[in-house]
C-alpha atoms as a PDB file:
ATOM      1  CA  MET A   1      -0.152  -0.045   0.149  1.00  0.00           C
ATOM      2  CA  SER A   2       1.119   3.401  -0.812  1.00  0.00           C
ATOM      3  CA  ILE A   3      -0.174   6.443   1.075  1.00  0.00           C
ATOM      4  CA  ARG A   4       0.146   9.829  -0.683  1.00  0.00           C
ATOM      5  CA  ILE A   5      -1.661  12.846   0.990  1.00  0.00           C
ATOM      6  CA  THR A   6      -0.903  15.844  -1.205  1.00  0.00           C
ATOM      7  CA  GLY A   7      -2.139  19.203  -0.627  1.00  0.00           C
ATOM      8  CA  THR A   8      -1.836  18.879   3.105  1.00  0.00           C
ATOM      9  CA  GLY A   9       1.291  20.810   4.195  1.00  0.00           C
ATOM     10  CA  THR A  10       4.987  19.861   3.498  1.00  0.00           C
ATOM     11  CA  SER A  11       5.287  16.237   3.880  1.00  0.00           C
ATOM     12  CA  TYR A  12       8.057  13.629   3.832  1.00  0.00           C
ATOM     13  CA  TYR A  13       7.950  10.225   1.589  1.00  0.00           C
ATOM     14  CA  HIS A  14      10.308   7.079   1.127  1.00  0.00           C
ATOM     15  CA  CYS A  15      10.190   5.821  -2.275  1.00  0.00           C
ATOM     16  CA  ILE A  16      11.248   2.587  -3.629  1.00  0.00           C
ATOM     17  CA  SER A  17      11.195   0.876  -7.222  1.00  0.00           C
ATOM     18  CA  ARG A  18      12.845  -2.007  -8.812  1.00  0.00           C
ATOM     19  CA  VAL A  19      13.917  -2.834 -12.274  1.00  0.00           C
ATOM     20  CA  VAL A  20      11.651  -5.764 -13.671  1.00  0.00           C
ATOM     21  CA  ASP A  21      12.984  -9.187 -12.740  1.00  0.00           C
ATOM     22  CA  ARG A  22      15.422  -7.181 -10.739  1.00  0.00           C
ATOM     23  CA  ARG A  23      17.758  -7.520 -13.460  1.00  0.00           C
ATOM     24  CA  PHE A  24      21.133  -5.305 -12.686  1.00  0.00           C
ATOM     25  CA  VAL A  25      20.954  -2.814 -15.317  1.00  0.00           C
ATOM     26  CA  PHE A  26      22.611   0.326 -13.741  1.00  0.00           C
ATOM     27  CA  GLN A  27      26.265   0.419 -13.935  1.00  0.00           C
ATOM     28  CA  ALA A  28      28.285   3.551 -13.020  1.00  0.00           C
ATOM     29  CA  ASP A  29      27.303   5.540 -16.137  1.00  0.00           C
ATOM     30  CA  GLU A  30      23.739   4.634 -16.033  1.00  0.00           C
ATOM     31  CA  LYS A  31      23.634   5.967 -12.355  1.00  0.00           C
ATOM     32  CA  GLU A  32      25.124   8.874 -13.270  1.00  0.00           C
ATOM     33  CA  VAL A  33      22.452   9.645 -15.801  1.00  0.00           C
ATOM     34  CA  PHE A  34      19.676   8.525 -13.152  1.00  0.00           C
ATOM     35  CA  ARG A  35      21.211  11.161 -10.862  1.00  0.00           C
ATOM     36  CA  SER A  36      21.297  13.725 -13.408  1.00  0.00           C
ATOM     37  CA  ILE A  37      17.821  13.541 -14.205  1.00  0.00           C
ATOM     38  CA  LEU A  38      16.824  12.892 -10.410  1.00  0.00           C
ATOM     39  CA  ARG A  39      18.442  16.632  -9.837  1.00  0.00           C
ATOM     40  CA  LYS A  40      16.835  18.057 -12.935  1.00  0.00           C
ATOM     41  CA  LEU A  41      13.330  17.540 -12.006  1.00  0.00           C
ATOM     42  CA  GLU A  42      14.016  18.431  -8.311  1.00  0.00           C
ATOM     43  CA  ALA A  43      14.749  22.077  -9.789  1.00  0.00           C
ATOM     44  CA  PHE A  44      11.748  21.636 -12.135  1.00  0.00           C
ATOM     45  CA  THR A  45       9.270  20.388  -9.718  1.00  0.00           C
ATOM     46  CA  GLY A  46      10.152  21.864  -6.467  1.00  0.00           C
ATOM     47  CA  VAL A  47       9.914  18.289  -4.893  1.00  0.00           C
ATOM     48  CA  LYS A  48      13.263  18.294  -2.767  1.00  0.00           C
ATOM     49  CA  VAL A  49      15.769  15.242  -2.513  1.00  0.00           C
ATOM     50  CA  VAL A  50      16.847  14.636   0.955  1.00  0.00           C
ATOM     51  CA  THR A  51      18.902  11.672   0.401  1.00  0.00           C
ATOM     52  CA  TYR A  52      18.773   8.639  -2.353  1.00  0.00           C
ATOM     53  CA  CYS A  53      20.577   5.604  -3.277  1.00  0.00           C
ATOM     54  CA  VAL A  54      20.842   4.396  -6.819  1.00  0.00           C
ATOM     55  CA  MET A  55      21.703   0.606  -6.649  1.00  0.00           C
ATOM     56  CA  GLY A  56      22.038  -2.016  -9.620  1.00  0.00           C
ATOM     57  CA  ASN A  57      18.551  -2.765  -9.768  1.00  0.00           C
ATOM     58  CA  HIS A  58      16.478  -0.416  -7.802  1.00  0.00           C
ATOM     59  CA  PHE A  59      16.484   2.705  -6.007  1.00  0.00           C
ATOM     60  CA  HIS A  60      15.298   4.557  -2.638  1.00  0.00           C
ATOM     61  CA  LEU A  61      14.423   8.300  -2.275  1.00  0.00           C
ATOM     62  CA  LEU A  62      13.704  10.279   0.732  1.00  0.00           C
ATOM     63  CA  LEU A  63      11.599  13.139  -0.870  1.00  0.00           C
ATOM     64  CA  MET A  64      10.386  16.399   0.520  1.00  0.00           C
ATOM     65  CA  VAL A  65       7.348  17.474  -1.038  1.00  0.00           C
ATOM     66  CA  PRO A  66       6.362  20.830  -0.556  1.00  0.00           C
ATOM     67  CA  ASP A  67       2.899  22.387   0.567  1.00  0.00           C
ATOM     68  CA  ARG A  68       1.421  23.671  -2.988  1.00  0.00           C
ATOM     69  CA  GLN A  69       0.351  27.036  -1.395  1.00  0.00           C
ATOM     70  CA  ILE A  70       3.789  28.022  -0.450  1.00  0.00           C
ATOM     71  CA  LEU A  71       5.323  27.248  -4.042  1.00  0.00           C
ATOM     72  CA  VAL A  72       5.665  30.219  -6.044  1.00  0.00           C
ATOM     73  CA  PRO A  73       3.751  30.306  -9.128  1.00  0.00           C
ATOM     74  CA  LEU A  74       5.243  30.099 -12.452  1.00  0.00           C
ATOM     75  CA  ASN A  75       5.627  33.265 -14.546  1.00  0.00           C
ATOM     76  CA  ALA A  76       6.904  33.488 -18.101  1.00  0.00           C
ATOM     77  CA  GLU A  77      10.558  34.189 -17.089  1.00  0.00           C
ATOM     78  CA  ARG A  78      10.769  31.392 -14.599  1.00  0.00           C
ATOM     79  CA  LEU A  79       9.181  28.930 -16.970  1.00  0.00           C
ATOM     80  CA  LEU A  80      11.770  29.627 -19.692  1.00  0.00           C
ATOM     81  CA  GLU A  81      14.747  29.616 -17.149  1.00  0.00           C
ATOM     82  CA  LEU A  82      13.635  25.925 -16.086  1.00  0.00           C
ATOM     83  CA  LEU A  83      12.437  24.303 -19.240  1.00  0.00           C
ATOM     84  CA  PRO A  84      16.126  23.463 -20.522  1.00  0.00           C
ATOM     85  CA  LEU A  85      16.682  21.223 -17.585  1.00  0.00           C
ATOM     86  CA  LEU A  86      14.041  18.668 -19.282  1.00  0.00           C
ATOM     87  CA  TYR A  87      13.312  19.989 -22.638  1.00  0.00           C
ATOM     88  CA  ASP A  88      15.373  20.403 -26.142  1.00  0.00           C
ATOM     89  CA  LYS A  89      16.140  23.530 -27.679  1.00  0.00           C
ATOM     90  CA  ALA A  90      13.158  23.090 -30.261  1.00  0.00           C
ATOM     91  CA  THR A  91      10.511  22.828 -27.461  1.00  0.00           C
ATOM     92  CA  VAL A  92      11.927  25.478 -25.302  1.00  0.00           C
ATOM     93  CA  GLU A  93      11.811  27.989 -28.471  1.00  0.00           C
ATOM     94  CA  MET A  94       8.346  26.864 -29.157  1.00  0.00           C
ATOM     95  CA  VAL A  95       7.029  27.598 -25.754  1.00  0.00           C
ATOM     96  CA  SER A  96       8.896  30.884 -25.691  1.00  0.00           C
ATOM     97  CA  HIS A  97       7.283  31.684 -29.107  1.00  0.00           C
ATOM     98  CA  GLU A  98       3.874  30.949 -27.858  1.00  0.00           C
ATOM     99  CA  LEU A  99       4.520  33.088 -24.545  1.00  0.00           C
ATOM    100  CA  GLU A 100       5.469  35.964 -26.659  1.00  0.00           C
ATOM    101  CA  LEU A 101       2.628  35.474 -28.990  1.00  0.00           C
ATOM    102  CA  ALA A 102       0.182  35.722 -25.834  1.00  0.00           C
ATOM    103  CA  ARG A 103       2.042  38.827 -24.644  1.00  0.00           C
ATOM    104  CA  ARG A 104       1.847  41.165 -27.710  1.00  0.00           C
ATOM    105  CA  SER A 105      -2.016  39.947 -28.377  1.00  0.00           C
ATOM    106  CA  GLY A 106      -2.750  40.459 -24.626  1.00  0.00           C
ATOM    107  CA  ASP A 107      -4.001  37.044 -24.405  1.00  0.00           C
ATOM    108  CA  VAL A 108      -4.050  36.559 -21.022  1.00  0.00           C
ATOM    109  CA  ALA A 109      -6.173  33.056 -20.541  1.00  0.00           C
ATOM    110  CA  PHE A 110      -3.922  31.683 -23.269  1.00  0.00           C
ATOM    111  CA  GLU A 111      -0.629  32.656 -21.167  1.00  0.00           C
ATOM    112  CA  LYS A 112      -2.316  31.373 -17.820  1.00  0.00           C
ATOM    113  CA  ALA A 113      -3.137  27.989 -19.644  1.00  0.00           C
ATOM    114  CA  LEU A 114       0.364  27.709 -21.013  1.00  0.00           C
ATOM    115  CA  LEU A 115       1.947  28.303 -17.491  1.00  0.00           C
ATOM    116  CA  GLU A 116      -0.654  26.057 -15.842  1.00  0.00           C
ATOM    117  CA  ARG A 117       0.411  23.039 -18.021  1.00  0.00           C
ATOM    118  CA  TYR A 118       3.663  23.040 -16.439  1.00  0.00           C
ATOM    119  CA  GLU A 119       2.608  24.423 -13.059  1.00  0.00           C
ATOM    120  CA  LYS A 120       0.324  21.399 -12.291  1.00  0.00           C
ATOM    121  CA  ARG A 121       3.327  19.100 -12.403  1.00  0.00           C
ATOM    122  CA  ARG A 122       5.009  20.792  -9.623  1.00  0.00           C
ATOM    123  CA  GLY A 123       4.790  19.618  -6.012  1.00  0.00           C
ATOM    124  CA  ASP A 124       3.184  16.461  -7.037  1.00  0.00           C
ATOM    125  CA  LEU A 125       4.762  13.492  -5.761  1.00  0.00           C
ATOM    126  CA  SER A 126       3.344  10.964  -8.244  1.00  0.00           C
ATOM    127  CA  VAL A 127       4.008  13.547 -11.058  1.00  0.00           C
ATOM    128  CA  PHE A 128       7.782  13.470  -9.843  1.00  0.00           C
ATOM    129  CA  VAL A 129       8.635   9.880  -9.327  1.00  0.00           C
ATOM    130  CA  LYS A 130       6.403   8.893 -12.542  1.00  0.00           C
ATOM    131  CA  GLU A 131       8.445  11.332 -14.616  1.00  0.00           C
ATOM    132  CA  LEU A 132      11.765  10.197 -13.093  1.00  0.00           C
ATOM    133  CA  LYS A 133      11.124   6.382 -14.052  1.00  0.00           C
ATOM    134  CA  GLN A 134       9.743   7.568 -17.499  1.00  0.00           C
ATOM    135  CA  ARG A 135      12.813   9.505 -18.553  1.00  0.00           C
ATOM    136  CA  VAL A 136      15.260   6.908 -17.258  1.00  0.00           C
ATOM    137  CA  SER A 137      13.505   4.234 -19.194  1.00  0.00           C
ATOM    138  CA  ILE A 138      13.720   6.136 -22.292  1.00  0.00           C
ATOM    139  CA  PHE A 139      17.350   6.711 -21.940  1.00  0.00           C
ATOM    140  CA  MET A 140      17.802   2.896 -20.963  1.00  0.00           C
ATOM    141  CA  ASN A 141      15.822   1.840 -24.148  1.00  0.00           C
ATOM    142  CA  LYS A 142      18.119   4.283 -26.446  1.00  0.00           C
ATOM    143  CA  ARG A 143      21.230   3.094 -24.715  1.00  0.00           C
ATOM    144  CA  PHE A 144      21.096  -0.727 -25.007  1.00  0.00           C
ATOM    145  CA  ASP A 145      18.386  -0.621 -28.212  1.00  0.00           C
ATOM    146  CA  ARG A 146      15.714  -2.233 -26.270  1.00  0.00           C
ATOM    147  CA  THR A 147      11.820  -1.562 -25.738  1.00  0.00           C
ATOM    148  CA  GLY A 148       9.347  -2.619 -23.107  1.00  0.00           C
ATOM    149  CA  THR A 149       9.119  -1.928 -19.491  1.00  0.00           C
ATOM    150  CA  LEU A 150      11.838  -1.371 -17.398  1.00  0.00           C
ATOM    151  CA  TRP A 151      10.432  -1.002 -13.757  1.00  0.00           C
ATOM    152  CA  GLU A 152       8.356  -3.549 -11.962  1.00  0.00           C
ATOM    153  CA  GLY A 153       5.154  -1.980 -11.628  1.00  0.00           C
ATOM    154  CA  ARG A 154       4.433   1.136  -9.465  1.00  0.00           C
ATOM    155  CA  PHE A 155       6.949   2.686  -7.076  1.00  0.00           C
ATOM    156  CA  ARG A 156       5.975   1.991  -3.460  1.00  0.00           C
ATOM    157  CA  SER A 157       6.001   4.687  -0.864  1.00  0.00           C
ATOM    158  CA  ILE A 158       5.485   5.232   2.873  1.00  0.00           C
ATOM    159  CA  LEU A 159       4.763   8.542   4.459  1.00  0.00           C
ATOM    160  CA  VAL A 160       7.239   9.516   7.090  1.00  0.00           C
ATOM    161  CA  GLU A 161       6.556  12.012   9.967  1.00  0.00           C
ATOM    162  CA  GLY A 162       8.503  15.131   9.431  1.00  0.00           C
ATOM    163  CA  GLY A 163      10.573  15.087  12.608  1.00  0.00           C
ATOM    164  CA  GLU A 164      14.038  14.555  13.276  1.00  0.00           C
ATOM    165  CA  SER A 165      14.231  10.860  14.936  1.00  0.00           C
ATOM    166  CA  ALA A 166      11.846   9.279  11.804  1.00  0.00           C
ATOM    167  CA  LEU A 167      13.346  11.298   8.852  1.00  0.00           C
ATOM    168  CA  LEU A 168      17.326  10.453  10.134  1.00  0.00           C
ATOM    169  CA  ALA A 169      16.119   6.693  10.814  1.00  0.00           C
ATOM    170  CA  VAL A 170      14.675   6.551   6.955  1.00  0.00           C
ATOM    171  CA  ALA A 171      17.743   8.488   5.668  1.00  0.00           C
ATOM    172  CA  ALA A 172      20.606   6.178   7.340  1.00  0.00           C
ATOM    173  CA  TYR A 173      18.421   3.023   6.197  1.00  0.00           C
ATOM    174  CA  ILE A 174      18.751   4.742   2.357  1.00  0.00           C
ATOM    175  CA  ASP A 175      22.593   5.618   2.633  1.00  0.00           C
ATOM    176  CA  LEU A 176      23.615   2.051   4.316  1.00  0.00           C
ATOM    177  CA  ASN A 177      22.281   0.233   1.358  1.00  0.00           C
ATOM    178  CA  PRO A 178      25.591  -0.285  -0.266  1.00  0.00           C
ATOM    179  CA  VAL A 179      27.170  -1.357   2.905  1.00  0.00           C
ATOM    180  CA  ARG A 180      24.632  -3.992   3.524  1.00  0.00           C
ATOM    181  CA  ALA A 181      25.008  -5.152  -0.081  1.00  0.00           C
ATOM    182  CA  SER A 182      28.767  -5.491   0.575  1.00  0.00           C
ATOM    183  CA  ILE A 183      29.396  -3.034  -2.279  1.00  0.00           C
ATOM    184  CA  VAL A 184      31.461  -0.638  -0.561  1.00  0.00           C
ATOM    185  CA  ASN A 185      33.179  -0.779   3.259  1.00  0.00           C
ATOM    186  CA  HIS A 186      32.023   2.868   3.849  1.00  0.00           C
ATOM    187  CA  PRO A 187      29.034   4.541   2.873  1.00  0.00           C
ATOM    188  CA  GLU A 188      30.900   7.856   2.101  1.00  0.00           C
ATOM    189  CA  ASP A 189      32.751   5.768  -0.850  1.00  0.00           C
ATOM    190  CA  TYR A 190      29.550   5.133  -2.611  1.00  0.00           C
ATOM    191  CA  ARG A 191      29.221   7.717  -5.298  1.00  0.00           C
ATOM    192  CA  TRP A 192      25.526   7.381  -6.192  1.00  0.00           C
ATOM    193  CA  SER A 193      23.818   8.238  -2.715  1.00  0.00           C
ATOM    194  CA  GLY A 194      23.154  11.125  -0.806  1.00  0.00           C
ATOM    195  CA  TYR A 195      25.612  10.950   1.774  1.00  0.00           C
ATOM    196  CA  GLY A 196      28.507   9.606  -0.668  1.00  0.00           C
ATOM    197  CA  GLU A 197      28.011  12.770  -3.099  1.00  0.00           C
ATOM    198  CA  ALA A 198      27.764  15.169   0.018  1.00  0.00           C
ATOM    199  CA  ASN A 199      31.082  13.583   0.791  1.00  0.00           C
ATOM    200  CA  GLY A 200      32.143  14.267  -2.656  1.00  0.00           C
ATOM    201  CA  SER A 201      33.689  17.329  -4.491  1.00  0.00           C
ATOM    202  CA  GLY A 202      31.393  17.452  -7.443  1.00  0.00           C
ATOM    203  CA  LYS A 203      29.060  19.978  -8.374  1.00  0.00           C
ATOM    204  CA  GLY A 204      26.111  18.087  -6.925  1.00  0.00           C
ATOM    205  CA  SER A 205      27.757  17.891  -3.506  1.00  0.00           C
ATOM    206  CA  ARG A 206      26.100  20.846  -2.166  1.00  0.00           C
ATOM    207  CA  LYS A 207      22.729  19.815  -3.081  1.00  0.00           C
ATOM    208  CA  ALA A 208      23.200  16.559  -1.341  1.00  0.00           C
ATOM    209  CA  ARG A 209      24.366  18.351   1.854  1.00  0.00           C
ATOM    210  CA  VAL A 210      21.495  20.670   1.823  1.00  0.00           C
ATOM    211  CA  GLY A 211      19.398  17.491   1.859  1.00  0.00           C
ATOM    212  CA  LEU A 212      20.757  16.016   4.800  1.00  0.00           C
ATOM    213  CA  ALA A 213      21.308  19.248   6.738  1.00  0.00           C
ATOM    214  CA  SER A 214      17.400  19.922   5.989  1.00  0.00           C
ATOM    215  CA  ILE A 215      16.206  16.897   8.196  1.00  0.00           C
ATOM    216  CA  GLN A 216      18.470  18.162  11.209  1.00  0.00           C
ATOM    217  CA  ARG A 217      16.264  19.277  14.163  1.00  0.00           C
ATOM    218  CA  GLU A 218      17.390  23.006  13.733  1.00  0.00           C
ATOM    219  CA  SER A 219      16.394  23.072  10.158  1.00  0.00           C
ATOM    220  CA  LEU A 220      13.245  21.392  10.933  1.00  0.00           C
ATOM    221  CA  GLU A 221      12.234  23.733  13.532  1.00  0.00           C
ATOM    222  CA  ASN A 222      13.575  26.850  11.485  1.00  0.00           C
ATOM    223  CA  PRO A 223      14.184  26.282   7.689  1.00  0.00           C
ATOM    224  CA  ASP A 224      16.002  29.685   7.431  1.00  0.00           C
ATOM    225  CA  SER A 225      18.828  28.179   9.938  1.00  0.00           C
ATOM    226  CA  ALA A 226      22.024  27.138   8.146  1.00  0.00           C
ATOM    227  CA  ILE A 227      24.036  24.498   9.658  1.00  0.00           C
ATOM    228  CA  PRO A 228      27.507  23.967   8.898  1.00  0.00           C
ATOM    229  CA  TRP A 229      28.385  21.089   6.708  1.00  0.00           C
ATOM    230  CA  PRO A 230      31.198  19.611   9.115  1.00  0.00           C
ATOM    231  CA  GLU A 231      28.597  19.802  11.926  1.00  0.00           C
ATOM    232  CA  VAL A 232      25.969  17.783   9.851  1.00  0.00           C
ATOM    233  CA  GLN A 233      28.479  15.272   8.447  1.00  0.00           C
ATOM    234  CA  GLU A 234      29.734  14.621  12.407  1.00  0.00           C
ATOM    235  CA  ARG A 235      26.525  13.832  13.423  1.00  0.00           C
ATOM    236  CA  TYR A 236      24.947  11.969  10.474  1.00  0.00           C
ATOM    237  CA  ARG A 237      28.526   9.983  10.142  1.00  0.00           C
ATOM    238  CA  ARG A 238      28.070   8.949  14.053  1.00  0.00           C
ATOM    239  CA  LEU A 239      24.405   7.720  13.165  1.00  0.00           C
ATOM    240  CA  LEU A 240      25.724   5.676  10.052  1.00  0.00           C
ATOM    241  CA  TYR A 241      28.677   4.249  11.626  1.00  0.00           C
ATOM    242  CA  LEU A 242      26.702   2.856  14.620  1.00  0.00           C
ATOM    243  CA  SER A 243      23.717   1.775  12.795  1.00  0.00           C
ATOM    244  CA  GLY A 244      26.207  -0.484  10.223  1.00  0.00           C
ATOM    245  CA  ALA A 245      27.826  -2.280  12.867  1.00  0.00           C
ATOM    246  CA  GLU A 246      28.528  -5.745  11.616  1.00  0.00           C
ATOM    247  CA  GLU A 247      26.817  -8.747  13.319  1.00  0.00           C
ATOM    248  CA  ARG A 248      28.688 -12.190  14.471  1.00  0.00           C
ATOM    249  CA  ASP A 249      27.688 -15.362  16.016  1.00  0.00           C
ATOM    250  CA  HIS A 250      28.724 -17.064  19.112  1.00  0.00           C
ATOM    251  CA  SER A 251      31.648 -18.320  17.498  1.00  0.00           C
ATOM    252  CA  GLY A 252      32.567 -15.044  15.925  1.00  0.00           C
ATOM    253  CA  ALA A 253      31.521 -15.627  12.259  1.00  0.00           C
ATOM    254  CA  ILE A 254      30.019 -12.893  10.525  1.00  0.00           C
ATOM    255  CA  LEU A 255      26.512 -13.282  10.126  1.00  0.00           C
ATOM    256  CA  ARG A 256      26.253  -9.715   8.159  1.00  0.00           C
ATOM    257  CA  ARG A 257      28.727  -7.399   6.931  1.00  0.00           C
ATOM    258  CA  GLY A 258      29.150  -3.833   8.728  1.00  0.00           C
ATOM    259  CA  PHE A 259      31.527  -1.712  10.489  1.00  0.00           C
ATOM    260  CA  SER A 260      34.000  -3.446  13.122  1.00  0.00           C
ATOM    261  CA  GLN A 261      34.058  -2.127  16.542  1.00  0.00           C
ATOM    262  CA  GLU A 262      37.513  -0.691  15.759  1.00  0.00           C
ATOM    263  CA  GLU A 263      36.186   1.034  12.869  1.00  0.00           C
ATOM    264  CA  ILE A 264      33.320   2.398  14.985  1.00  0.00           C
ATOM    265  CA  SER A 265      35.415   3.540  17.687  1.00  0.00           C
ATOM    266  CA  GLU A 266      37.398   5.664  15.622  1.00  0.00           C
ATOM    267  CA  VAL A 267      34.265   7.532  14.693  1.00  0.00           C
ATOM    268  CA  ILE A 268      32.344   7.782  17.918  1.00  0.00           C
ATOM    269  CA  ASP A 269      32.534   6.610  21.580  1.00  0.00           C
ATOM    270  CA  THR A 270      30.636   3.662  21.536  1.00  0.00           C
ATOM    271  CA  ALA A 271      29.521   3.970  25.383  1.00  0.00           C
ATOM    272  CA  THR A 272      26.970   6.513  24.166  1.00  0.00           C
ATOM    273  CA  PRO A 273      25.139   4.879  21.281  1.00  0.00           C
ATOM    274  CA  LEU A 274      22.309   6.759  19.664  1.00  0.00           C
ATOM    275  CA  PRO A 275      18.809   5.336  19.406  1.00  0.00           C
ATOM    276  CA  LEU A 276      17.954   2.856  16.846  1.00  0.00           C
ATOM    277  CA  SER A 277      21.800   2.477  16.018  1.00  0.00           C
ATOM    278  CA  VAL A 278      21.620  -1.671  16.615  1.00  0.00           C
ATOM    279  CA  MET A 279      18.579  -2.050  14.571  1.00  0.00           C
ATOM    280  CA  LEU A 280      19.400  -0.070  11.639  1.00  0.00           C
ATOM    281  CA  ARG A 281      22.440  -2.184  10.657  1.00  0.00           C
ATOM    282  CA  ARG A 282      19.831  -4.493   9.252  1.00  0.00           C
ATOM    283  CA  LYS A 283      17.523  -4.365   6.331  1.00  0.00           C
ATOM    284  CA  VAL A 284      14.487  -3.371   8.140  1.00  0.00           C
ATOM    285  CA  ARG A 285      11.108  -4.002   6.150  1.00  0.00           C
ATOM    286  CA  TYR A 286       9.144  -1.263   8.102  1.00  0.00           C
ATOM    287  CA  PHE A 287      11.190   1.187   6.332  1.00  0.00           C
ATOM    288  CA  CYS A 288       9.667  -0.060   2.817  1.00  0.00           C
ATOM    289  CA  ASP A 289       6.571  -1.614   3.882  1.00  0.00           C
ATOM    290  CA  GLY A 290       5.050   0.104   7.089  1.00  0.00           C
ATOM    291  CA  ALA A 291       3.097   2.556   4.911  1.00  0.00           C
ATOM    292  CA  VAL A 292       3.355   5.316   7.433  1.00  0.00           C
ATOM    293  CA  VAL A 293       6.430   5.976   9.934  1.00  0.00           C
ATOM    294  CA  GLY A 294       6.713   8.457  12.672  1.00  0.00           C
ATOM    295  CA  SER A 295       5.312   9.002  16.219  1.00  0.00           C
ATOM    296  CA  ALA A 296       2.024   7.243  17.555  1.00  0.00           C
ATOM    297  CA  ASP A 297       0.067  10.729  17.381  1.00  0.00           C
ATOM    298  CA  PHE A 298       1.271  11.421  13.782  1.00  0.00           C
ATOM    299  CA  VAL A 299       0.478   7.661  12.544  1.00  0.00           C
ATOM    300  CA  GLU A 300      -2.914   8.099  14.353  1.00  0.00           C
ATOM    301  CA  GLU A 301      -3.618  11.474  12.651  1.00  0.00           C
ATOM    302  CA  VAL A 302      -3.137   9.671   9.409  1.00  0.00           C
ATOM    303  CA  PHE A 303      -5.116   6.823  10.232  1.00  0.00           C
ATOM    304  CA  GLU A 304      -8.190   8.995  11.159  1.00  0.00           C
ATOM    305  CA  GLY A 305      -7.756  10.684   7.680  1.00  0.00           C
ATOM    306  CA  LEU A 306      -7.648   7.191   5.850  1.00  0.00           C
ATOM    307  CA  ARG A 307     -10.701   5.978   7.802  1.00  0.00           C
ATOM    308  CA  ALA A 308     -12.638   9.151   6.981  1.00  0.00           C
ATOM    309  CA  LEU A 309     -11.997   8.315   3.601  1.00  0.00           C
ATOM    310  CA  GLY A 310     -13.161   4.542   3.830  1.00  0.00           C
ATOM    311  CA  ARG A 311      -9.465   3.379   3.172  1.00  0.00           C
ATOM    312  CA  THR A 312      -9.312   1.006   6.338  1.00  0.00           C
ATOM    313  CA  GLY A 313     -10.856  -2.127   7.384  1.00  0.00           C
ATOM    314  CA  PRO A 314     -13.899  -1.987   9.472  1.00  0.00           C
ATOM    315  CA  SER A 315     -12.913  -4.031  12.000  1.00  0.00           C
ATOM    316  CA  ARG A 316      -9.557  -1.598  12.875  1.00  0.00           C
ATOM    317  CA  LYS A 317     -10.104   0.951  15.615  1.00  0.00           C
ATOM    318  CA  THR A 318      -6.566   2.599  16.082  1.00  0.00           C
ATOM    319  CA  GLY A 319      -3.834   3.006  13.662  1.00  0.00           C
ATOM    320  CA  ALA A 320      -0.425   3.209  15.433  1.00  0.00           C
ATOM    321  CA  ARG A 321       1.467  -0.092  15.689  1.00  0.00           C
ATOM    322  CA  ARG A 322       4.902  -0.716  17.518  1.00  0.00           C
ATOM    323  CA  LEU A 323       7.933  -1.858  15.737  1.00  0.00           C
ATOM    324  CA  ARG A 324       8.921  -5.666  16.361  1.00  0.00           C
ATOM    325  CA  GLY A 325      11.957  -7.058  16.737  1.00  0.00           C
ATOM    326  CA  GLY A 326      14.133  -4.393  18.914  1.00  0.00           C
ATOM    327  CA  ASP A 327      14.020  -1.300  20.982  1.00  0.00           C
ATOM    328  CA  TRP A 328      12.733   1.497  18.523  1.00  0.00           C
ATOM    329  CA  GLY A 329      11.980   4.042  20.935  1.00  0.00           C
ATOM    330  CA  GLU A 330       8.838   6.327  20.306  1.00  0.00           C
ATOM    331  CA  LEU A 331       8.627   5.177  16.586  1.00  0.00           C
ATOM    332  CA  ARG A 332       5.372   3.802  15.326  1.00  0.00           C
ATOM    333  CA  VAL A 333       4.097   2.424  12.028  1.00  0.00           C
ATOM    334  CA  LEU A 334       0.552   2.193  10.309  1.00  0.00           C
ATOM    335  CA  ARG A 335       1.289  -1.467   9.262  1.00  0.00           C
ATOM    336  CA  ASP A 336       2.160  -4.152  11.448  1.00  0.00           C
ATOM    337  CA  LEU A 337       4.535  -7.007  10.141  1.00  0.00           C
ATOM    338  CA  GLN A 338       3.867 -10.513  11.559  1.00  0.00           C
ATOM    339  CA  VAL A 339       6.992 -12.013  10.216  1.00  0.00           C
ATOM    340  CA  ARG A 340      10.080 -11.089   8.586  1.00  0.00           C
ATOM    341  CA  VAL A 341      10.833  -7.823  10.162  1.00  0.00           C
ATOM    342  CA  PHE A 342      14.271  -8.177   8.591  1.00  0.00           C
ATOM    343  CA  ASP A 343      15.170  -8.931   5.189  1.00  0.00           C
ATOM    344  CA  PRO A 344      18.690  -9.841   3.449  1.00  0.00           C
ATOM    345  CA  PRO A 345      19.764  -7.058   1.069  1.00  0.00           C
ATOM    346  CA  ILE A 346      18.346  -6.833  -2.326  1.00  0.00           C
ATOM    347  CA  GLU A 347      21.699  -6.681  -3.652  1.00  0.00           C
END
């Protein structure tokens, strides 16, 4: 179940989509193109990328969907600035010509309709992910001279409460994907993730840093606050390394790859672990299948809204469910998982 409630203020979503048959089709060049399309859509639509991870056969996104009421409406000048991000020169020139004709003739209604054509695609989660998948599909089909479906059906999404605890937990889960999959030893070494990009020196590093800074407590309380990247980096790195500790059995054999205690001790004093750090080392199904994650009050509020729309079962009276498998503090989910709280990595 994917829950999308738009037009109700700023909201956050964890979105996941896989390649059909889970084929490994994204290599380095394809991942670079994926990220380029992702960033262009971010600029065009106003949907912000908090963090992301592009794997060989699937992707994860943590997105901030803005309140449509606070998005500054497009005017002709702004539209012409944004169009080259997604459209070729001929399309941009055609739209420019149409806007100029409308201006000269005083046809306000035509200009408004033209702007609205693009305006309705902004600040919308479904449009953002749909266009991302479509544009990546077009690129992949041309690149490999193929036809047909690239993606395994619709994307999945879960609603995440806009508080630091839930957002950081989901962000860390996303950025630890390549470590859990044994692709890299350290999350900062994976170039096609939010944290990896933020630690790089490329032109996209600033956007990645802004994304991770935006879910720190100070930024959530005051979006105009500017937290220095070294401070954000240190906080988030502590969480990632504690969350990604390796697991061993009683004989010392490694059950799940991760960071050794020696590696962790280089980053943080392990005598003062952060909440959720032990559980986040695993692939937690709640963050993909829990439908809504956040505090009990937040999950109950969403549940009541869904019940008013007739989207809940008649026998269910409450929404918030405790997470199984460990101590998750105050976090709650909408969908309970009876079995398999943890899964092995997808890749």
